[in-house]
């Protein structure tokens, strides 16, 4: 077997293995697609956490702000 054919087979094997791994990562097996059932009341707790995180500080004065472009 010539070295060119051997190198071509090795490269084709590596590319095929990489494509298979990428497909396996993008499309996981059906056994792992199950989602756990949410605990009762978890939606309200998540909503409250989200509101506290993104709500901001209403007492903070942000009207003046900071200049976007510094003066050199």
C-alpha atoms as a PDB file:
ATOM      1  CA  UNK A   1       0.000   0.000   0.000  1.00  0.00           C
ATOM      2  CA  UNK A   2       1.433   3.338  -0.993  1.00  0.00           C
ATOM      3  CA  UNK A   3       1.969   6.074   1.602  1.00  0.00           C
ATOM      4  CA  UNK A   4      -0.447   8.421  -0.192  1.00  0.00           C
ATOM      5  CA  UNK A   5      -3.337   5.968   0.083  1.00  0.00           C
ATOM      6  CA  UNK A   6      -2.495   5.295   3.727  1.00  0.00           C
ATOM      7  CA  UNK A   7      -2.422   9.015   4.540  1.00  0.00           C
ATOM      8  CA  UNK A   8      -5.702   9.556   2.658  1.00  0.00           C
ATOM      9  CA  UNK A   9      -7.367   6.737   4.627  1.00  0.00           C
ATOM     10  CA  UNK A  10      -6.115   8.113   7.944  1.00  0.00           C
ATOM     11  CA  UNK A  11      -7.319  11.633   7.095  1.00  0.00           C
ATOM     12  CA  UNK A  12     -10.704  10.272   5.948  1.00  0.00           C
ATOM     13  CA  UNK A  13     -11.013   8.303   9.187  1.00  0.00           C
ATOM     14  CA  UNK A  14     -10.209  11.354  11.298  1.00  0.00           C
ATOM     15  CA  UNK A  15     -12.703  13.508   9.379  1.00  0.00           C
ATOM     16  CA  UNK A  16     -15.377  10.810   9.660  1.00  0.00           C
ATOM     17  CA  UNK A  17     -14.770  10.404  13.380  1.00  0.00           C
ATOM     18  CA  UNK A  18     -14.953  14.170  13.887  1.00  0.00           C
ATOM     19  CA  UNK A  19     -18.190  14.407  11.912  1.00  0.00           C
ATOM     20  CA  UNK A  20     -19.678  11.554  13.928  1.00  0.00           C
ATOM     21  CA  UNK A  21     -18.717  13.172  17.225  1.00  0.00           C
ATOM     22  CA  UNK A  22     -20.145  16.516  16.101  1.00  0.00           C
ATOM     23  CA  UNK A  23     -23.401  14.847  15.082  1.00  0.00           C
ATOM     24  CA  UNK A  24     -23.524  13.014  18.420  1.00  0.00           C
ATOM     25  CA  UNK A  25     -23.053  16.280  20.334  1.00  0.00           C
ATOM     26  CA  UNK A  26     -25.576  18.251  18.258  1.00  0.00           C
ATOM     27  CA  UNK A  27     -28.204  15.481  18.204  1.00  0.00           C
ATOM     28  CA  UNK A  28     -27.958  13.686  21.583  1.00  0.00           C
ATOM     29  CA  UNK A  29     -29.404  10.186  21.997  1.00  0.00           C
ATOM     30  CA  UNK A  30     -33.108   9.927  22.888  1.00  0.00           C
ATOM     31  CA  UNK A  31     -32.395   8.553  26.369  1.00  0.00           C
ATOM     32  CA  UNK A  32     -30.928  11.860  27.545  1.00  0.00           C
ATOM     33  CA  UNK A  33     -33.660  14.144  26.203  1.00  0.00           C
ATOM     34  CA  UNK A  34     -36.008  13.628  29.140  1.00  0.00           C
ATOM     35  CA  UNK A  35     -36.570  16.739  31.217  1.00  0.00           C
ATOM     36  CA  UNK A  36     -37.103  16.408  34.954  1.00  0.00           C
ATOM     37  CA  UNK A  37     -40.481  17.417  36.313  1.00  0.00           C
ATOM     38  CA  UNK A  38     -40.474  20.870  37.868  1.00  0.00           C
ATOM     39  CA  UNK A  39     -41.219  21.144  41.560  1.00  0.00           C
ATOM     40  CA  UNK A  40     -44.545  22.784  42.414  1.00  0.00           C
ATOM     41  CA  UNK A  41     -44.124  26.488  43.074  1.00  0.00           C
ATOM     42  CA  UNK A  42     -40.772  26.632  41.303  1.00  0.00           C
ATOM     43  CA  UNK A  43     -42.182  28.957  38.653  1.00  0.00           C
ATOM     44  CA  UNK A  44     -43.056  31.646  41.187  1.00  0.00           C
ATOM     45  CA  UNK A  45     -39.636  31.402  42.835  1.00  0.00           C
ATOM     46  CA  UNK A  46     -37.881  31.676  39.496  1.00  0.00           C
ATOM     47  CA  UNK A  47     -40.053  34.661  38.562  1.00  0.00           C
ATOM     48  CA  UNK A  48     -39.181  36.428  41.823  1.00  0.00           C
ATOM     49  CA  UNK A  49     -35.467  35.727  41.398  1.00  0.00           C
ATOM     50  CA  UNK A  50     -35.583  37.019  37.830  1.00  0.00           C
ATOM     51  CA  UNK A  51     -37.346  40.222  38.900  1.00  0.00           C
ATOM     52  CA  UNK A  52     -34.836  40.867  41.695  1.00  0.00           C
ATOM     53  CA  UNK A  53     -31.877  40.237  39.381  1.00  0.00           C
ATOM     54  CA  UNK A  54     -33.042  42.360  36.442  1.00  0.00           C
ATOM     55  CA  UNK A  55     -35.056  44.889  38.442  1.00  0.00           C
ATOM     56  CA  UNK A  56     -32.190  47.227  39.244  1.00  0.00           C
ATOM     57  CA  UNK A  57     -31.950  49.754  42.058  1.00  0.00           C
ATOM     58  CA  UNK A  58     -34.785  52.316  41.894  1.00  0.00           C
ATOM     59  CA  UNK A  59     -33.024  54.611  44.423  1.00  0.00           C
ATOM     60  CA  UNK A  60     -29.864  55.013  42.340  1.00  0.00           C
ATOM     61  CA  UNK A  61     -29.562  58.248  40.344  1.00  0.00           C
ATOM     62  CA  UNK A  62     -28.401  57.388  36.829  1.00  0.00           C
ATOM     63  CA  UNK A  63     -29.497  60.543  35.028  1.00  0.00           C
ATOM     64  CA  UNK A  64     -26.047  62.180  34.804  1.00  0.00           C
ATOM     65  CA  UNK A  65     -24.244  59.048  33.728  1.00  0.00           C
ATOM     66  CA  UNK A  66     -20.710  58.872  32.438  1.00  0.00           C
ATOM     67  CA  UNK A  67     -19.375  60.253  29.179  1.00  0.00           C
ATOM     68  CA  UNK A  68     -19.005  57.674  26.462  1.00  0.00           C
ATOM     69  CA  UNK A  69     -16.035  59.343  24.801  1.00  0.00           C
ATOM     70  CA  UNK A  70     -13.229  60.584  27.037  1.00  0.00           C
ATOM     71  CA  UNK A  71     -11.748  64.001  26.358  1.00  0.00           C
ATOM     72  CA  UNK A  72      -7.999  63.702  25.810  1.00  0.00           C
END
